[in-house]
Amino acid sequence: MAQVKLTWAADPRPEIEKRATPVSDWIYAVILGVIEGLTEFIPVSSTGHLLLAKTALNLPGTFWDTFSVLIQLGAILGVVVLYFGRLWSIFKLTPTTPRARHFFISVAIAFLPAAVVGVLLHDIIKHILFESPRIICLSLIAGGVVLLLIDRYAPPVRKTDVLALPWRTAFAVGLFQCLAVIPGVSRSGATIVGSMLMGVEKRAAAEFSFFLAIPTMAGAFAVDAWQSRHELGTTHMGLVAVGFVVSFIVAIVVVKGMLWFVTRRGYAPFGWWRIVVGGVGLVLLTFGQQLPAISL
């Protein structure tokens, strides 16, 4: 119990394990779950939005940072549910079909760079970059400008089949994914931009980003869950469960509409979204020294 107490030392409220969880914490869990499910698979940076929301809500301690990582698995399971039939049919063909083997190997190749960087820089990412709202806002704006440019000036499309991307292309996309260790860059945004720069059609780029998210976010969940296992009490797990379920439901809705939206509108609307959020955040940080706290 001492470790839980240390985690919440900065919390001005009574220690969470000594009384019932405040209603406000359940509301915060739902809010963050909605933000995660809404932003995980669109190129606006779910981590950036979660950290800005955490700052605005004045959520104390390291638990809410861990919470933000753990509930990402809910969103990932949303993709698994939606694509399970397709993935399973491809998997069954791997023993006999080179095309199926090629697809799974390409996802594995794209996953490796981020896996290495994530393990080596985990502490820096979580304890330094995660605590810099200004970096998040600047990253949101910069990424928004990049999305506007790539949407208008993308190289000619040379690859449209997500199952047949060359391994060199997959590896390049994996390198782009490493940029997402900076909060606000966006994992999906980095992989989509990287794919389109390599001549991948925008819909196929989004789909490959979905597939790549499964091992990437599952790995991030496993590492953070293991390293935070002593900080998570029974009450904490209840909050994580709520955020998990909410992000799962919202992500399913978002993924269903994402490909339809991108095919018709491209990525420019997401670029403007990022610029507006990042700009508002910078204004509040500059003139208010910190984002205004919202109390429930």
C-alpha atoms as a PDB file:
ATOM      1  CA  MET A   1       0.000   0.000   0.000  1.00  0.00           C
ATOM      2  CA  ALA A   2       2.953   2.320   0.582  1.00  0.00           C
ATOM      3  CA  GLN A   3       3.663   2.469  -3.139  1.00  0.00           C
ATOM      4  CA  VAL A   4       0.094   3.531  -3.891  1.00  0.00           C
ATOM      5  CA  LYS A   5       0.449   6.237  -1.261  1.00  0.00           C
ATOM      6  CA  LEU A   6       3.604   7.543  -2.926  1.00  0.00           C
ATOM      7  CA  THR A   7       1.877   7.623  -6.281  1.00  0.00           C
ATOM      8  CA  TRP A   8      -0.855   9.876  -4.951  1.00  0.00           C
ATOM      9  CA  ALA A   9       1.311  12.010  -2.664  1.00  0.00           C
ATOM     10  CA  ALA A  10       0.567  15.092  -4.761  1.00  0.00           C
ATOM     11  CA  ASP A  11      -3.196  14.566  -4.561  1.00  0.00           C
ATOM     12  CA  PRO A  12      -4.786  17.181  -2.237  1.00  0.00           C
ATOM     13  CA  ARG A  13      -7.735  14.861  -1.628  1.00  0.00           C
ATOM     14  CA  PRO A  14      -7.647  12.055   0.985  1.00  0.00           C
ATOM     15  CA  GLU A  15      -5.701   8.974  -0.085  1.00  0.00           C
ATOM     16  CA  ILE A  16      -7.751   7.167  -2.685  1.00  0.00           C
ATOM     17  CA  GLU A  17      -7.364   3.689  -1.203  1.00  0.00           C
ATOM     18  CA  LYS A  18      -8.781   4.756   2.193  1.00  0.00           C
ATOM     19  CA  ARG A  19     -12.238   5.681   0.955  1.00  0.00           C
ATOM     20  CA  ALA A  20     -14.616   5.198  -1.911  1.00  0.00           C
ATOM     21  CA  THR A  21     -13.453   6.545  -5.232  1.00  0.00           C
ATOM     22  CA  PRO A  22     -14.815  10.085  -5.741  1.00  0.00           C
ATOM     23  CA  VAL A  23     -17.521  10.430  -8.353  1.00  0.00           C
ATOM     24  CA  SER A  24     -15.294  12.967 -10.108  1.00  0.00           C
ATOM     25  CA  ASP A  25     -12.629  10.293 -10.724  1.00  0.00           C
ATOM     26  CA  TRP A  26     -15.159   8.086 -12.509  1.00  0.00           C
ATOM     27  CA  ILE A  27     -16.174  11.078 -14.629  1.00  0.00           C
ATOM     28  CA  TYR A  28     -12.520  11.796 -15.424  1.00  0.00           C
ATOM     29  CA  ALA A  29     -12.067   8.148 -16.436  1.00  0.00           C
ATOM     30  CA  VAL A  30     -15.010   8.413 -18.849  1.00  0.00           C
ATOM     31  CA  ILE A  31     -13.763  11.723 -20.297  1.00  0.00           C
ATOM     32  CA  LEU A  32     -10.266  10.354 -20.922  1.00  0.00           C
ATOM     33  CA  GLY A  33     -11.730   7.137 -22.346  1.00  0.00           C
ATOM     34  CA  VAL A  34     -13.781   9.128 -24.846  1.00  0.00           C
ATOM     35  CA  ILE A  35     -10.734  11.212 -25.829  1.00  0.00           C
ATOM     36  CA  GLU A  36      -8.608   8.073 -26.298  1.00  0.00           C
ATOM     37  CA  GLY A  37     -11.179   6.263 -28.428  1.00  0.00           C
ATOM     38  CA  LEU A  38     -11.868   9.372 -30.475  1.00  0.00           C
ATOM     39  CA  THR A  39      -8.253  10.286 -31.221  1.00  0.00           C
ATOM     40  CA  GLU A  40      -6.225   7.038 -31.273  1.00  0.00           C
ATOM     41  CA  PHE A  41      -6.784   6.233 -34.951  1.00  0.00           C
ATOM     42  CA  ILE A  42      -7.077   9.691 -36.435  1.00  0.00           C
ATOM     43  CA  PRO A  43      -3.848  11.657 -36.989  1.00  0.00           C
ATOM     44  CA  VAL A  44      -4.305  14.200 -34.189  1.00  0.00           C
ATOM     45  CA  SER A  45      -2.281  12.535 -31.370  1.00  0.00           C
ATOM     46  CA  SER A  46      -4.288  10.700 -28.738  1.00  0.00           C
ATOM     47  CA  THR A  47      -1.394  11.000 -26.273  1.00  0.00           C
ATOM     48  CA  GLY A  48      -1.162  14.748 -26.810  1.00  0.00           C
ATOM     49  CA  HIS A  49      -4.889  15.217 -26.295  1.00  0.00           C
ATOM     50  CA  LEU A  50      -4.886  12.981 -23.209  1.00  0.00           C
ATOM     51  CA  LEU A  51      -1.981  14.834 -21.605  1.00  0.00           C
ATOM     52  CA  LEU A  52      -3.516  18.237 -22.318  1.00  0.00           C
ATOM     53  CA  ALA A  53      -6.823  17.020 -20.884  1.00  0.00           C
ATOM     54  CA  LYS A  54      -5.014  15.655 -17.820  1.00  0.00           C
ATOM     55  CA  THR A  55      -3.356  19.046 -17.318  1.00  0.00           C
ATOM     56  CA  ALA A  56      -6.602  20.965 -17.837  1.00  0.00           C
ATOM     57  CA  LEU A  57      -8.432  18.699 -15.368  1.00  0.00           C
ATOM     58  CA  ASN A  58      -5.538  19.063 -12.902  1.00  0.00           C
ATOM     59  CA  LEU A  59      -5.247  15.312 -12.417  1.00  0.00           C
ATOM     60  CA  PRO A  60      -2.394  14.637  -9.960  1.00  0.00           C
ATOM     61  CA  GLY A  61       0.174  11.898  -9.566  1.00  0.00           C
ATOM     62  CA  THR A  62       1.587   9.358 -11.995  1.00  0.00           C
ATOM     63  CA  PHE A  63      -1.498   7.153 -11.967  1.00  0.00           C
ATOM     64  CA  TRP A  64      -3.285   9.178 -14.639  1.00  0.00           C
ATOM     65  CA  ASP A  65      -0.238   8.990 -16.919  1.00  0.00           C
ATOM     66  CA  THR A  66      -0.294   5.216 -16.549  1.00  0.00           C
ATOM     67  CA  PHE A  67      -4.078   5.243 -16.986  1.00  0.00           C
ATOM     68  CA  SER A  68      -3.685   7.053 -20.324  1.00  0.00           C
ATOM     69  CA  VAL A  69      -1.389   4.301 -21.622  1.00  0.00           C
ATOM     70  CA  LEU A  70      -3.386   1.360 -20.296  1.00  0.00           C
ATOM     71  CA  ILE A  71      -6.724   2.412 -21.791  1.00  0.00           C
ATOM     72  CA  GLN A  72      -5.118   2.494 -25.243  1.00  0.00           C
ATOM     73  CA  LEU A  73      -5.507  -1.280 -25.282  1.00  0.00           C
ATOM     74  CA  GLY A  74      -9.272  -0.774 -25.315  1.00  0.00           C
ATOM     75  CA  ALA A  75      -9.013   1.238 -28.512  1.00  0.00           C
ATOM     76  CA  ILE A  76      -6.680  -1.350 -30.024  1.00  0.00           C
ATOM     77  CA  LEU A  77      -9.137  -4.140 -29.260  1.00  0.00           C
ATOM     78  CA  GLY A  78     -11.720  -2.115 -31.164  1.00  0.00           C
ATOM     79  CA  VAL A  79      -9.576  -2.480 -34.299  1.00  0.00           C
ATOM     80  CA  VAL A  80      -9.015  -6.175 -33.595  1.00  0.00           C
ATOM     81  CA  VAL A  81     -12.774  -6.739 -33.354  1.00  0.00           C
ATOM     82  CA  LEU A  82     -13.507  -4.852 -36.559  1.00  0.00           C
ATOM     83  CA  TYR A  83     -10.707  -6.513 -38.558  1.00  0.00           C
ATOM     84  CA  PHE A  84     -10.681  -9.908 -36.877  1.00  0.00           C
ATOM     85  CA  GLY A  85     -12.380 -11.732 -39.744  1.00  0.00           C
ATOM     86  CA  ARG A  86     -10.005 -10.279 -42.321  1.00  0.00           C
ATOM     87  CA  LEU A  87      -6.895 -10.825 -40.209  1.00  0.00           C
ATOM     88  CA  TRP A  88      -7.881 -14.393 -39.340  1.00  0.00           C
ATOM     89  CA  SER A  89      -8.550 -15.278 -42.974  1.00  0.00           C
ATOM     90  CA  ILE A  90      -5.113 -13.931 -43.928  1.00  0.00           C
ATOM     91  CA  PHE A  91      -3.461 -15.727 -41.010  1.00  0.00           C
ATOM     92  CA  LYS A  92      -4.937 -19.080 -42.051  1.00  0.00           C
ATOM     93  CA  LEU A  93      -3.327 -18.640 -45.465  1.00  0.00           C
ATOM     94  CA  THR A  94       0.197 -18.004 -44.155  1.00  0.00           C
ATOM     95  CA  PRO A  95       1.390 -21.643 -44.422  1.00  0.00           C
ATOM     96  CA  THR A  96       0.507 -21.842 -48.100  1.00  0.00           C
ATOM     97  CA  THR A  97       0.271 -18.292 -49.446  1.00  0.00           C
ATOM     98  CA  PRO A  98       3.373 -16.073 -49.879  1.00  0.00           C
ATOM     99  CA  ARG A  99       1.162 -12.991 -50.068  1.00  0.00           C
ATOM    100  CA  ALA A 100      -0.243 -13.641 -46.585  1.00  0.00           C
ATOM    101  CA  ARG A 101       3.216 -14.258 -45.122  1.00  0.00           C
ATOM    102  CA  HIS A 102       4.476 -11.110 -46.790  1.00  0.00           C
ATOM    103  CA  PHE A 103       1.790  -9.024 -45.059  1.00  0.00           C
ATOM    104  CA  PHE A 104       2.521 -10.254 -41.536  1.00  0.00           C
ATOM    105  CA  ILE A 105       6.268  -9.906 -42.067  1.00  0.00           C
ATOM    106  CA  SER A 106       5.800  -6.333 -43.305  1.00  0.00           C
ATOM    107  CA  VAL A 107       3.836  -5.430 -40.156  1.00  0.00           C
ATOM    108  CA  ALA A 108       6.550  -7.034 -37.999  1.00  0.00           C
ATOM    109  CA  ILE A 109       9.284  -5.095 -39.841  1.00  0.00           C
ATOM    110  CA  ALA A 110       7.401  -1.816 -39.375  1.00  0.00           C
ATOM    111  CA  PHE A 111       6.900  -2.575 -35.675  1.00  0.00           C
ATOM    112  CA  LEU A 112      10.559  -3.228 -34.808  1.00  0.00           C
ATOM    113  CA  PRO A 113      12.003   0.337 -34.856  1.00  0.00           C
ATOM    114  CA  ALA A 114       9.380   1.702 -32.450  1.00  0.00           C
ATOM    115  CA  ALA A 115       9.734  -1.352 -30.223  1.00  0.00           C
ATOM    116  CA  VAL A 116      13.469  -0.729 -29.824  1.00  0.00           C
ATOM    117  CA  VAL A 117      13.091   3.027 -29.294  1.00  0.00           C
ATOM    118  CA  GLY A 118      10.184   2.562 -26.889  1.00  0.00           C
ATOM    119  CA  VAL A 119      12.104   0.178 -24.649  1.00  0.00           C
ATOM    120  CA  LEU A 120      15.303   2.233 -24.645  1.00  0.00           C
ATOM    121  CA  LEU A 121      13.631   5.604 -24.064  1.00  0.00           C
ATOM    122  CA  HIS A 122      10.633   4.590 -21.952  1.00  0.00           C
ATOM    123  CA  ASP A 123      11.622   6.563 -18.853  1.00  0.00           C
ATOM    124  CA  ILE A 124      12.562   9.694 -20.811  1.00  0.00           C
ATOM    125  CA  ILE A 125       9.317   9.536 -22.772  1.00  0.00           C
ATOM    126  CA  LYS A 126       7.098   9.083 -19.720  1.00  0.00           C
ATOM    127  CA  HIS A 127       8.795  11.285 -17.143  1.00  0.00           C
ATOM    128  CA  ILE A 128      10.185  14.148 -19.252  1.00  0.00           C
ATOM    129  CA  LEU A 129       8.362  14.500 -22.569  1.00  0.00           C
ATOM    130  CA  PHE A 130       4.994  13.621 -21.010  1.00  0.00           C
ATOM    131  CA  GLU A 131       5.374  16.544 -18.627  1.00  0.00           C
ATOM    132  CA  SER A 132       5.816  19.239 -21.294  1.00  0.00           C
ATOM    133  CA  PRO A 133       2.465  20.713 -22.436  1.00  0.00           C
ATOM    134  CA  ARG A 134       4.292  23.299 -24.552  1.00  0.00           C
ATOM    135  CA  ILE A 135       6.092  20.559 -26.516  1.00  0.00           C
ATOM    136  CA  ILE A 136       2.737  18.872 -27.076  1.00  0.00           C
ATOM    137  CA  CYS A 137       1.152  22.063 -28.419  1.00  0.00           C
ATOM    138  CA  LEU A 138       4.088  22.800 -30.730  1.00  0.00           C
ATOM    139  CA  SER A 139       4.044  19.217 -31.988  1.00  0.00           C
ATOM    140  CA  LEU A 140       0.317  19.440 -32.675  1.00  0.00           C
ATOM    141  CA  ILE A 141       0.787  22.600 -34.737  1.00  0.00           C
ATOM    142  CA  ALA A 142       3.815  21.282 -36.631  1.00  0.00           C
ATOM    143  CA  GLY A 143       2.039  18.011 -37.363  1.00  0.00           C
ATOM    144  CA  GLY A 144      -1.026  19.894 -38.544  1.00  0.00           C
ATOM    145  CA  VAL A 145       1.041  21.848 -41.058  1.00  0.00           C
ATOM    146  CA  VAL A 146       2.630  18.593 -42.281  1.00  0.00           C
ATOM    147  CA  LEU A 147      -0.812  17.004 -42.778  1.00  0.00           C
ATOM    148  CA  LEU A 148      -2.007  20.007 -44.790  1.00  0.00           C
ATOM    149  CA  LEU A 149       1.078  19.793 -47.005  1.00  0.00           C
ATOM    150  CA  ILE A 150       0.967  16.018 -47.497  1.00  0.00           C
ATOM    151  CA  ASP A 151      -2.740  16.152 -48.292  1.00  0.00           C
ATOM    152  CA  ARG A 152      -2.084  18.651 -51.078  1.00  0.00           C
ATOM    153  CA  TYR A 153       1.380  17.690 -52.316  1.00  0.00           C
ATOM    154  CA  ALA A 154       1.645  13.941 -51.696  1.00  0.00           C
ATOM    155  CA  PRO A 155       3.878  12.061 -54.174  1.00  0.00           C
ATOM    156  CA  PRO A 156       2.107  10.106 -56.916  1.00  0.00           C
ATOM    157  CA  VAL A 157       0.420   6.931 -55.678  1.00  0.00           C
ATOM    158  CA  ARG A 158       2.395   3.805 -56.527  1.00  0.00           C
ATOM    159  CA  LYS A 159       1.055   1.352 -53.946  1.00  0.00           C
ATOM    160  CA  THR A 160      -2.619   0.682 -53.247  1.00  0.00           C
ATOM    161  CA  ASP A 161      -2.607  -2.838 -51.789  1.00  0.00           C
ATOM    162  CA  VAL A 162      -2.058  -2.809 -48.031  1.00  0.00           C
ATOM    163  CA  LEU A 163      -1.257  -6.529 -48.108  1.00  0.00           C
ATOM    164  CA  ALA A 164       1.596  -6.132 -50.572  1.00  0.00           C
ATOM    165  CA  LEU A 165       3.662  -3.201 -49.338  1.00  0.00           C
ATOM    166  CA  PRO A 166       7.386  -3.737 -50.012  1.00  0.00           C
ATOM    167  CA  TRP A 167       9.393  -4.486 -46.895  1.00  0.00           C
ATOM    168  CA  ARG A 168      11.539  -1.423 -47.533  1.00  0.00           C
ATOM    169  CA  THR A 169       8.385   0.702 -47.437  1.00  0.00           C
ATOM    170  CA  ALA A 170       7.228  -1.012 -44.248  1.00  0.00           C
ATOM    171  CA  PHE A 171      10.562  -0.350 -42.559  1.00  0.00           C
ATOM    172  CA  ALA A 172      10.454   3.324 -43.578  1.00  0.00           C
ATOM    173  CA  VAL A 173       6.961   3.615 -42.105  1.00  0.00           C
ATOM    174  CA  GLY A 174       8.294   2.035 -38.923  1.00  0.00           C
ATOM    175  CA  LEU A 175      11.012   4.674 -38.720  1.00  0.00           C
ATOM    176  CA  PHE A 176       8.394   7.389 -39.076  1.00  0.00           C
ATOM    177  CA  GLN A 177       6.430   5.786 -36.261  1.00  0.00           C
ATOM    178  CA  CYS A 178       9.417   6.410 -33.955  1.00  0.00           C
ATOM    179  CA  LEU A 179       8.665  10.134 -34.183  1.00  0.00           C
ATOM    180  CA  ALA A 180       5.554   9.455 -32.133  1.00  0.00           C
ATOM    181  CA  VAL A 181       7.650   9.090 -28.962  1.00  0.00           C
ATOM    182  CA  ILE A 182       7.262  12.888 -28.842  1.00  0.00           C
ATOM    183  CA  PRO A 183       3.794  13.580 -27.393  1.00  0.00           C
ATOM    184  CA  GLY A 184       1.708  15.511 -29.874  1.00  0.00           C
ATOM    185  CA  VAL A 185       3.314  14.029 -32.988  1.00  0.00           C
ATOM    186  CA  SER A 186       0.681  11.255 -33.327  1.00  0.00           C
ATOM    187  CA  ARG A 187       1.523   7.632 -34.008  1.00  0.00           C
ATOM    188  CA  SER A 188      -1.167   7.311 -36.672  1.00  0.00           C
ATOM    189  CA  GLY A 189      -0.211  10.679 -38.172  1.00  0.00           C
ATOM    190  CA  ALA A 190       3.461   9.738 -38.407  1.00  0.00           C
ATOM    191  CA  THR A 191       2.751   6.364 -40.026  1.00  0.00           C
ATOM    192  CA  ILE A 192       0.185   7.786 -42.446  1.00  0.00           C
ATOM    193  CA  VAL A 193       2.484  10.615 -43.534  1.00  0.00           C
ATOM    194  CA  GLY A 194       5.386   8.176 -43.867  1.00  0.00           C
ATOM    195  CA  SER A 195       3.279   5.831 -45.965  1.00  0.00           C
ATOM    196  CA  MET A 196       2.047   8.584 -48.279  1.00  0.00           C
ATOM    197  CA  LEU A 197       5.583   9.902 -48.760  1.00  0.00           C
ATOM    198  CA  MET A 198       6.479   6.394 -49.895  1.00  0.00           C
ATOM    199  CA  GLY A 199       3.710   6.506 -52.498  1.00  0.00           C
ATOM    200  CA  VAL A 200       1.029   4.593 -50.583  1.00  0.00           C
ATOM    201  CA  GLU A 201      -2.576   5.559 -51.375  1.00  0.00           C
ATOM    202  CA  LYS A 202      -4.253   7.462 -48.494  1.00  0.00           C
ATOM    203  CA  ARG A 203      -6.849   4.788 -47.659  1.00  0.00           C
ATOM    204  CA  ALA A 204      -4.222   2.020 -47.714  1.00  0.00           C
ATOM    205  CA  ALA A 205      -1.982   4.235 -45.541  1.00  0.00           C
ATOM    206  CA  ALA A 206      -4.749   4.500 -42.941  1.00  0.00           C
ATOM    207  CA  GLU A 207      -5.359   0.742 -42.987  1.00  0.00           C
ATOM    208  CA  PHE A 208      -1.699  -0.094 -42.573  1.00  0.00           C
ATOM    209  CA  SER A 209      -1.611   2.347 -39.658  1.00  0.00           C
ATOM    210  CA  PHE A 210      -4.506   0.446 -38.072  1.00  0.00           C
ATOM    211  CA  PHE A 211      -2.746  -2.902 -38.448  1.00  0.00           C
ATOM    212  CA  LEU A 212       0.573  -1.551 -37.195  1.00  0.00           C
ATOM    213  CA  ALA A 213      -1.167  -0.105 -34.144  1.00  0.00           C
ATOM    214  CA  ILE A 214      -2.070  -3.581 -32.874  1.00  0.00           C
ATOM    215  CA  PRO A 215       1.447  -4.818 -31.974  1.00  0.00           C
ATOM    216  CA  THR A 216       2.737  -1.325 -31.205  1.00  0.00           C
ATOM    217  CA  MET A 217       0.102  -0.363 -28.663  1.00  0.00           C
ATOM    218  CA  ALA A 218      -0.155  -3.876 -27.245  1.00  0.00           C
ATOM    219  CA  GLY A 219       3.593  -3.717 -26.589  1.00  0.00           C
ATOM    220  CA  ALA A 220       3.320  -0.265 -24.979  1.00  0.00           C
ATOM    221  CA  PHE A 221       0.492  -1.562 -22.789  1.00  0.00           C
ATOM    222  CA  ALA A 222       2.497  -4.601 -21.689  1.00  0.00           C
ATOM    223  CA  VAL A 223       5.600  -2.560 -20.780  1.00  0.00           C
ATOM    224  CA  ASP A 224       3.686   0.104 -18.877  1.00  0.00           C
ATOM    225  CA  ALA A 225       1.421  -2.384 -17.107  1.00  0.00           C
ATOM    226  CA  TRP A 226       4.435  -4.374 -15.913  1.00  0.00           C
ATOM    227  CA  GLN A 227       6.400  -1.344 -14.747  1.00  0.00           C
ATOM    228  CA  SER A 228       3.353   0.137 -13.006  1.00  0.00           C
ATOM    229  CA  ARG A 229       2.047  -3.104 -11.503  1.00  0.00           C
ATOM    230  CA  HIS A 230       2.844  -2.016  -7.929  1.00  0.00           C
ATOM    231  CA  GLU A 231       1.071   1.324  -8.341  1.00  0.00           C
ATOM    232  CA  LEU A 232      -2.280  -0.082  -9.398  1.00  0.00           C
ATOM    233  CA  GLY A 233      -4.573  -0.899  -6.495  1.00  0.00           C
ATOM    234  CA  THR A 234      -8.068  -2.410  -6.741  1.00  0.00           C
ATOM    235  CA  THR A 235      -9.668   1.026  -6.945  1.00  0.00           C
ATOM    236  CA  HIS A 236      -7.275   2.082  -9.677  1.00  0.00           C
ATOM    237  CA  MET A 237      -8.123  -0.980 -11.745  1.00  0.00           C
ATOM    238  CA  GLY A 238     -11.801  -0.069 -11.570  1.00  0.00           C
ATOM    239  CA  LEU A 239     -11.033   3.325 -13.103  1.00  0.00           C
ATOM    240  CA  VAL A 240      -8.845   1.691 -15.765  1.00  0.00           C
ATOM    241  CA  ALA A 241     -11.669  -0.742 -16.593  1.00  0.00           C
ATOM    242  CA  VAL A 242     -14.101   2.128 -17.155  1.00  0.00           C
ATOM    243  CA  GLY A 243     -11.655   4.006 -19.393  1.00  0.00           C
ATOM    244  CA  PHE A 244     -10.863   0.768 -21.223  1.00  0.00           C
ATOM    245  CA  VAL A 245     -14.512   0.005 -22.058  1.00  0.00           C
ATOM    246  CA  VAL A 246     -15.312   3.576 -23.078  1.00  0.00           C
ATOM    247  CA  SER A 247     -12.269   3.835 -25.365  1.00  0.00           C
ATOM    248  CA  PHE A 248     -13.146   0.447 -26.898  1.00  0.00           C
ATOM    249  CA  ILE A 249     -16.691   1.531 -27.790  1.00  0.00           C
ATOM    250  CA  VAL A 250     -15.734   4.963 -29.098  1.00  0.00           C
ATOM    251  CA  ALA A 251     -12.812   3.567 -31.139  1.00  0.00           C
ATOM    252  CA  ILE A 252     -15.089   1.128 -32.946  1.00  0.00           C
ATOM    253  CA  VAL A 253     -17.327   3.998 -34.033  1.00  0.00           C
ATOM    254  CA  VAL A 254     -14.352   6.132 -35.119  1.00  0.00           C
ATOM    255  CA  VAL A 255     -12.579   3.396 -37.091  1.00  0.00           C
ATOM    256  CA  LYS A 256     -15.799   2.556 -38.939  1.00  0.00           C
ATOM    257  CA  GLY A 257     -16.061   6.138 -40.151  1.00  0.00           C
ATOM    258  CA  MET A 258     -12.364   6.932 -40.565  1.00  0.00           C
ATOM    259  CA  LEU A 259     -11.786   5.271 -43.946  1.00  0.00           C
ATOM    260  CA  TRP A 260     -15.011   6.703 -45.353  1.00  0.00           C
ATOM    261  CA  PHE A 261     -14.031  10.197 -44.215  1.00  0.00           C
ATOM    262  CA  VAL A 262     -10.435  10.019 -45.450  1.00  0.00           C
ATOM    263  CA  THR A 263     -11.481   8.715 -48.870  1.00  0.00           C
ATOM    264  CA  ARG A 264     -13.805  11.701 -49.355  1.00  0.00           C
ATOM    265  CA  ARG A 265     -12.166  14.547 -47.418  1.00  0.00           C
ATOM    266  CA  GLY A 266      -8.502  13.605 -47.094  1.00  0.00           C
ATOM    267  CA  TYR A 267      -6.388  14.571 -44.089  1.00  0.00           C
ATOM    268  CA  ALA A 268      -6.628  18.369 -44.230  1.00  0.00           C
ATOM    269  CA  PRO A 269      -9.471  18.601 -41.660  1.00  0.00           C
ATOM    270  CA  PHE A 270      -7.289  16.760 -39.149  1.00  0.00           C
ATOM    271  CA  GLY A 271      -4.452  19.160 -39.892  1.00  0.00           C
ATOM    272  CA  TRP A 272      -6.658  22.150 -39.061  1.00  0.00           C
ATOM    273  CA  TRP A 273      -7.909  20.387 -35.941  1.00  0.00           C
ATOM    274  CA  ARG A 274      -4.346  19.954 -34.707  1.00  0.00           C
ATOM    275  CA  ILE A 275      -3.419  23.572 -35.441  1.00  0.00           C
ATOM    276  CA  VAL A 276      -6.460  24.916 -33.581  1.00  0.00           C
ATOM    277  CA  VAL A 277      -5.947  22.706 -30.511  1.00  0.00           C
ATOM    278  CA  GLY A 278      -2.218  23.387 -30.388  1.00  0.00           C
ATOM    279  CA  GLY A 279      -2.711  27.127 -30.925  1.00  0.00           C
ATOM    280  CA  VAL A 280      -5.332  27.436 -28.191  1.00  0.00           C
ATOM    281  CA  GLY A 281      -3.103  25.454 -25.847  1.00  0.00           C
ATOM    282  CA  LEU A 282      -0.125  27.733 -26.525  1.00  0.00           C
ATOM    283  CA  VAL A 283      -2.216  30.852 -25.919  1.00  0.00           C
ATOM    284  CA  LEU A 284      -3.413  29.509 -22.583  1.00  0.00           C
ATOM    285  CA  LEU A 285       0.090  28.454 -21.600  1.00  0.00           C
ATOM    286  CA  THR A 286       1.561  31.815 -22.607  1.00  0.00           C
ATOM    287  CA  PHE A 287      -0.970  34.114 -20.984  1.00  0.00           C
ATOM    288  CA  GLY A 288      -2.079  31.902 -18.120  1.00  0.00           C
ATOM    289  CA  GLN A 289       1.285  30.232 -17.381  1.00  0.00           C
ATOM    290  CA  GLN A 290      -0.597  26.933 -17.222  1.00  0.00           C
ATOM    291  CA  LEU A 291      -3.731  25.481 -18.678  1.00  0.00           C
ATOM    292  CA  PRO A 292      -6.754  26.462 -16.563  1.00  0.00           C
ATOM    293  CA  ALA A 293      -7.786  23.676 -14.198  1.00  0.00           C
ATOM    294  CA  ILE A 294     -11.297  22.303 -14.580  1.00  0.00           C
ATOM    295  CA  SER A 295     -12.766  20.863 -11.395  1.00  0.00           C
ATOM    296  CA  LEU A 296     -15.756  18.564 -11.134  1.00  0.00           C
END
